[in-house]
Each structure stands twice: as C-alpha cells, then as structure tokens.
Amino acid sequence: MKRLKAATCALLLILAGGSAATTEPRIAIIIDDLGYRLKAGQRAIRLPGPVSVAVLPGAPRTEVLARAAHANGKEVLLHLPLQARPDDLVDEPMRINLDMNRDEFRDTFDRAFASVPHAVGVNNHRGSLLTRHPGHMQWLMEEIQARDPVFFVDSFTTHQSVALQFADELGVHARKRDVFLDPDPAPETVAREFERMKRLAMKRGSVVVIGHPYAATLDLLERELPKLADEGFRLVAISELMQ
C-alpha cells in the first residue's frame, strides 16, 4: 500500500511538471507561539516526527520549552516579535519596532536570540509592518548572517514582505511559509488546510507549514502525521529545506 501511494504521488508530480525521479514530497511543519502555555507547548514537543517549534523570547516558559524541545529531537527557532501595524499597542517582550535605531535593533535581537536556547533559525511573530521595510529587513539579515548557519523563515504575514529579497542579497538561507494550518482554530479549517498542504507538496516537491498549539491543530497532527509516510510524503525538519 505504501509503494502504491508513493507511486501515485510520483504520477501526480509528473502531471504537475515534475519528474518520476523526484523523491517523496517533503513537508516541514513549524509550531509557533511556544513560551506561555506549558501543557500546550509540551504537547507540541511530543508530536511525532521532526516537527520544529518556534519559541517566543522572554515568555515565562521559553527556556524550559526550548530545552525540552531540543532534548526531544525537535529543531528550535526564535519566534521573533516584529511590529505589525503603525498603531500596534500589543505589549510583547523583546519586540522589534519601526522606531528603533540600529543599536537598539541589535541589542533587542541579541537579547531575544540569547533567551531561546538551542535556536538554529529565526521566524517572525506577526510583523506585517516591519517585514515591508527594507532598512529593518537588512538589519535583521545582517544579525542572522553574523550567526551563520542560522536561517530565516518568513512567516509571510503580508504579501508585501521584502524579507526574502534581503536574505538572498546577504546570503542568508531562507524560505517563506506556504500554508497556515490554522488561520482560525476550527477543526474543519485545520483539516481543510492540512489537505491543501498535501496538494501543494505534491505540486511543488516541498512545502513549509506553520501551525499553532491550538487543541484542534494538535489533535489533527497527532492523528494524521503518522500516516504521511504511507501516503508518500516525507516529514522533515525545517533545516532540511534550507540546504
């Protein structure tokens, strides 16, 4: 049955313009927003397979969850808060704002990165304002470049993001998010986006997926992730898609 489903995926890849020699479509899943809710974070860390986790800096459970994730074989990312709107009043620890100068930016990033043990990459928490600003994205990529081989994942909260452009210019390994599993936490939404994830993976060969530690998301992933290999997909750590 596994070989039959893998062959079906290969046929779909050919029809989509791929090649029969293409390996199984690869899926990298990141669970964002760890750091506050201990039990939900622990449940995310226990998900089967190489699911990665993104941990908010300066949250009450940041250190314990980052260390637990690493001990459980999960890749850890710094989930860096970036300003989302000009009137954004959300109070988040170590958030980078548009009105920061270069030194303030560097200091905030240093503290945020140091607060998340074992971080191998960075992705943005919110940030629809900051990721559109060339100056701040250049500063961000300079900070990441200085920590090579740290990589960047653009959560892609706005189609106007210029983050990948500056990552490319500075030689930072980077990808953007392809699918949000839970733009709302309803079970039917999560199920719909999970199926869309698989279709995109077959079409493109690989996808980057972001979810959150919502009950509906974790319920579905606990149930469905063990089935992916039999369906012809390969679940990978996010770093594999940076190579």
Protein backbone atom coordinates (compact mmCIF):
# COMPACT_ATOMS: atom_id res chain seq x y z
CA MET A 1 0.00 0.00 0.00
CA LYS A 2 2.85 2.41 0.84
CA ARG A 3 4.53 1.76 -2.52
CA LEU A 4 1.21 2.23 -4.34
CA LYS A 5 0.59 5.59 -2.69
CA ALA A 6 4.16 6.72 -3.31
CA ALA A 7 3.74 5.79 -6.99
CA THR A 8 0.54 7.81 -7.09
CA CYS A 9 2.43 10.83 -5.73
CA ALA A 10 5.13 10.35 -8.37
CA LEU A 11 2.48 10.26 -11.10
CA LEU A 12 0.93 13.46 -9.77
CA LEU A 13 4.35 15.10 -9.79
CA ILE A 14 4.80 14.16 -13.44
CA LEU A 15 1.42 15.62 -14.30
CA ALA A 16 2.37 18.78 -12.43
CA GLY A 17 5.58 19.11 -14.43
CA GLY A 18 7.86 17.20 -12.06
CA SER A 19 9.94 14.10 -12.64
CA ALA A 20 9.49 10.41 -11.90
CA ALA A 21 12.93 10.53 -10.28
CA THR A 22 11.74 13.12 -7.75
CA THR A 23 11.83 11.84 -4.16
CA GLU A 24 8.78 11.93 -1.93
CA PRO A 25 7.30 15.39 -1.46
CA ARG A 26 8.80 16.93 1.67
CA ILE A 27 6.76 18.68 4.35
CA ALA A 28 8.32 20.86 7.06
CA ILE A 29 5.97 21.87 9.88
CA ILE A 30 6.71 24.58 12.45
CA ILE A 31 4.55 25.06 15.54
CA ASP A 32 4.68 28.74 16.50
CA ASP A 33 3.99 30.70 19.68
CA LEU A 34 5.51 28.39 22.28
CA GLY A 35 6.52 30.05 25.53
CA TYR A 36 3.40 30.81 27.50
CA ARG A 37 1.20 27.73 27.86
CA LEU A 38 3.26 24.90 29.33
CA LYS A 39 0.93 21.97 28.65
CA ALA A 40 0.17 23.01 25.07
CA GLY A 41 3.90 23.54 24.46
CA GLN A 42 4.76 20.13 25.87
CA ARG A 43 2.10 18.54 23.69
CA ALA A 44 3.56 20.23 20.61
CA ILE A 45 7.02 18.95 21.52
CA ARG A 46 5.67 15.40 21.71
CA LEU A 47 4.26 15.46 18.18
CA PRO A 48 5.55 12.51 16.15
CA GLY A 49 8.40 13.09 13.75
CA PRO A 50 10.73 16.03 13.09
CA VAL A 51 8.22 18.83 13.69
CA SER A 52 10.05 22.09 14.50
CA VAL A 53 8.98 24.59 17.16
CA ALA A 54 9.27 28.38 17.27
CA VAL A 55 9.60 29.84 20.76
CA LEU A 56 8.82 33.41 21.78
CA PRO A 57 11.63 35.26 23.58
CA GLY A 58 11.15 36.38 27.16
CA ALA A 59 7.98 34.39 27.83
CA PRO A 60 7.54 32.61 31.19
CA ARG A 61 8.11 29.11 29.73
CA THR A 62 10.56 30.00 26.96
CA GLU A 63 13.67 28.39 28.37
CA VAL A 64 12.09 25.21 29.71
CA LEU A 65 10.19 24.54 26.46
CA ALA A 66 13.18 25.30 24.20
CA ARG A 67 15.38 22.94 26.20
CA ALA A 68 12.69 20.25 26.26
CA ALA A 69 12.18 20.53 22.51
CA HIS A 70 15.90 20.15 21.86
CA ALA A 71 16.10 17.17 24.20
CA ASN A 72 13.20 15.60 22.30
CA GLY A 73 14.99 15.98 18.96
CA LYS A 74 12.98 18.96 17.70
CA GLU A 75 14.61 21.90 15.93
CA VAL A 76 14.11 25.16 17.80
CA LEU A 77 13.57 28.58 16.20
CA LEU A 78 13.48 32.03 17.74
CA HIS A 79 9.95 33.31 17.10
CA LEU A 80 10.94 36.96 16.87
CA PRO A 81 8.17 39.54 17.58
CA LEU A 82 8.07 42.30 14.97
CA GLN A 83 5.74 45.28 14.91
CA ALA A 84 2.60 44.52 12.90
CA ARG A 85 0.92 47.91 12.40
CA PRO A 86 1.76 51.60 12.92
CA ASP A 87 -0.74 51.72 15.82
CA ASP A 88 0.27 48.34 17.22
CA LEU A 89 -0.03 48.56 21.01
CA VAL A 90 0.45 44.86 21.79
CA ASP A 91 3.00 44.55 24.59
CA GLU A 92 5.41 41.73 23.72
CA PRO A 93 8.80 41.08 25.33
CA MET A 94 11.76 41.90 23.11
CA ARG A 95 9.66 43.09 20.18
CA ILE A 96 11.46 44.96 17.41
CA ASN A 97 9.72 48.21 16.46
CA LEU A 98 9.94 50.51 13.49
CA ASP A 99 11.22 53.45 15.54
CA MET A 100 14.32 51.60 16.79
CA ASN A 101 17.74 52.76 15.66
CA ARG A 102 20.44 50.30 14.61
CA ASP A 103 21.93 49.91 18.09
CA GLU A 104 18.51 49.35 19.68
CA PHE A 105 17.69 46.81 16.99
CA ARG A 106 20.95 44.92 17.55
CA ASP A 107 20.54 44.92 21.34
CA THR A 108 16.96 43.66 21.18
CA PHE A 109 17.84 40.92 18.70
CA ASP A 110 20.84 39.86 20.83
CA ARG A 111 18.68 39.52 23.92
CA ALA A 112 15.91 37.72 22.06
CA PHE A 113 18.26 35.22 20.43
CA ALA A 114 20.08 34.55 23.69
CA SER A 115 16.81 33.91 25.51
CA VAL A 116 15.89 30.88 23.33
CA PRO A 117 18.35 28.03 23.97
CA HIS A 118 19.35 25.85 21.00
CA ALA A 119 17.82 28.16 18.37
CA VAL A 120 19.02 27.18 14.89
CA GLY A 121 16.75 29.56 12.97
CA VAL A 122 14.53 32.61 13.22
CA ASN A 123 10.98 33.24 12.08
CA ASN A 124 8.84 36.29 12.59
CA HIS A 125 5.94 36.59 15.02
CA ARG A 126 3.45 38.97 13.38
CA GLY A 127 5.48 41.74 11.67
CA SER A 128 3.33 42.83 8.75
CA LEU A 129 4.76 46.34 9.16
CA LEU A 130 8.42 45.51 9.76
CA THR A 131 8.78 42.90 7.02
CA ARG A 132 7.79 45.52 4.44
CA HIS A 133 10.62 47.87 5.48
CA PRO A 134 13.91 47.41 3.58
CA GLY A 135 16.12 49.03 6.22
CA HIS A 136 14.90 46.85 9.06
CA MET A 137 15.00 43.70 6.96
CA GLN A 138 18.59 44.43 6.02
CA TRP A 139 19.43 44.86 9.71
CA LEU A 140 17.66 41.59 10.54
CA MET A 141 19.53 39.64 7.87
CA GLU A 142 22.83 41.16 8.98
CA GLU A 143 22.18 39.86 12.51
CA ILE A 144 21.26 36.41 11.22
CA GLN A 145 24.20 36.32 8.81
CA ALA A 146 26.55 37.03 11.72
CA ARG A 147 25.27 33.81 13.32
CA ASP A 148 25.66 31.60 10.24
CA PRO A 149 24.41 28.85 9.76
CA VAL A 150 21.29 30.27 11.41
CA PHE A 151 18.49 30.55 8.82
CA PHE A 152 15.29 32.55 8.42
CA VAL A 153 11.70 31.54 7.75
CA ASP A 154 9.39 34.34 6.64
CA SER A 155 6.02 33.67 8.28
CA PHE A 156 4.71 35.74 5.35
CA THR A 157 2.06 37.69 7.21
CA THR A 158 1.97 40.16 4.31
CA HIS A 159 2.45 39.69 0.58
CA GLN A 160 4.46 42.94 0.64
CA SER A 161 7.25 41.33 2.65
CA VAL A 162 10.77 42.05 1.38
CA ALA A 163 12.45 39.70 3.85
CA LEU A 164 13.47 37.05 1.32
CA GLN A 165 14.88 39.66 -1.02
CA PHE A 166 17.31 40.84 1.64
CA ALA A 167 18.06 37.31 2.80
CA ASP A 168 19.11 36.49 -0.76
CA GLU A 169 21.22 39.63 -1.09
CA LEU A 170 23.09 38.88 2.15
CA GLY A 171 23.43 35.14 1.58
CA VAL A 172 21.13 34.06 4.41
CA HIS A 173 19.39 30.71 3.88
CA ALA A 174 15.67 31.45 3.89
CA ARG A 175 12.24 30.16 2.90
CA LYS A 176 8.75 31.54 3.24
CA ARG A 177 5.70 29.93 4.75
CA ASP A 178 3.45 28.23 2.19
CA VAL A 179 0.50 27.16 4.36
CA PHE A 180 -1.03 28.29 7.66
CA LEU A 181 -2.71 25.23 9.14
CA ASP A 182 -4.96 27.24 11.42
CA PRO A 183 -5.82 30.75 10.23
CA ASP A 184 -8.69 30.08 12.61
CA PRO A 185 -8.66 27.24 15.16
CA ALA A 186 -11.83 25.47 13.97
CA PRO A 187 -11.27 21.72 13.35
CA GLU A 188 -12.76 21.94 9.85
CA THR A 189 -10.35 24.75 8.94
CA VAL A 190 -7.33 22.78 10.15
CA ALA A 191 -8.48 19.68 8.24
CA ARG A 192 -9.01 21.71 5.05
CA GLU A 193 -5.58 23.34 5.24
CA PHE A 194 -3.89 20.02 6.01
CA GLU A 195 -5.29 18.61 2.78
CA ARG A 196 -4.21 21.74 0.90
CA MET A 197 -0.74 21.25 2.36
CA LYS A 198 -0.54 17.79 0.80
CA ARG A 199 -1.72 19.00 -2.59
CA LEU A 200 0.89 21.78 -2.61
CA ALA A 201 3.61 19.36 -1.54
CA MET A 202 2.81 17.07 -4.46
CA LYS A 203 2.78 20.02 -6.87
CA ARG A 204 5.93 21.78 -5.64
CA GLY A 205 8.01 19.00 -4.14
CA SER A 206 8.28 20.68 -0.73
CA VAL A 207 6.24 22.98 1.49
CA VAL A 208 6.79 25.00 4.67
CA VAL A 209 3.82 24.86 7.00
CA ILE A 210 3.09 26.86 10.15
CA GLY A 211 0.61 25.94 12.85
CA HIS A 212 -0.07 26.92 16.44
CA PRO A 213 -0.56 24.95 19.65
CA TYR A 214 -4.35 25.06 19.39
CA ALA A 215 -6.25 21.98 20.52
CA ALA A 216 -7.70 21.38 17.04
CA THR A 217 -4.28 21.66 15.39
CA LEU A 218 -2.59 19.31 17.83
CA ASP A 219 -5.49 16.84 17.66
CA LEU A 220 -5.19 16.62 13.87
CA LEU A 221 -1.41 16.42 13.80
CA GLU A 222 -1.29 13.68 16.43
CA ARG A 223 -3.75 11.70 14.33
CA GLU A 224 -2.50 12.42 10.81
CA LEU A 225 1.28 12.80 10.98
CA PRO A 226 1.92 9.06 11.43
CA LYS A 227 0.03 8.45 8.16
CA LEU A 228 2.14 10.75 5.96
CA ALA A 229 4.83 8.20 5.09
CA ASP A 230 2.23 5.66 3.94
CA GLU A 231 0.67 8.38 1.79
CA GLY A 232 4.00 9.01 0.05
CA PHE A 233 5.16 12.14 1.90
CA ARG A 234 8.30 12.75 3.94
CA LEU A 235 8.09 14.88 7.07
CA VAL A 236 11.37 16.78 7.55
CA ALA A 237 12.93 19.28 9.91
CA ILE A 238 12.80 22.82 8.56
CA SER A 239 16.60 22.96 8.22
CA GLU A 240 16.46 20.26 5.53
CA LEU A 241 14.60 22.64 3.23
CA MET A 242 17.36 25.23 3.69
CA GLN A 243 20.02 23.03 2.08
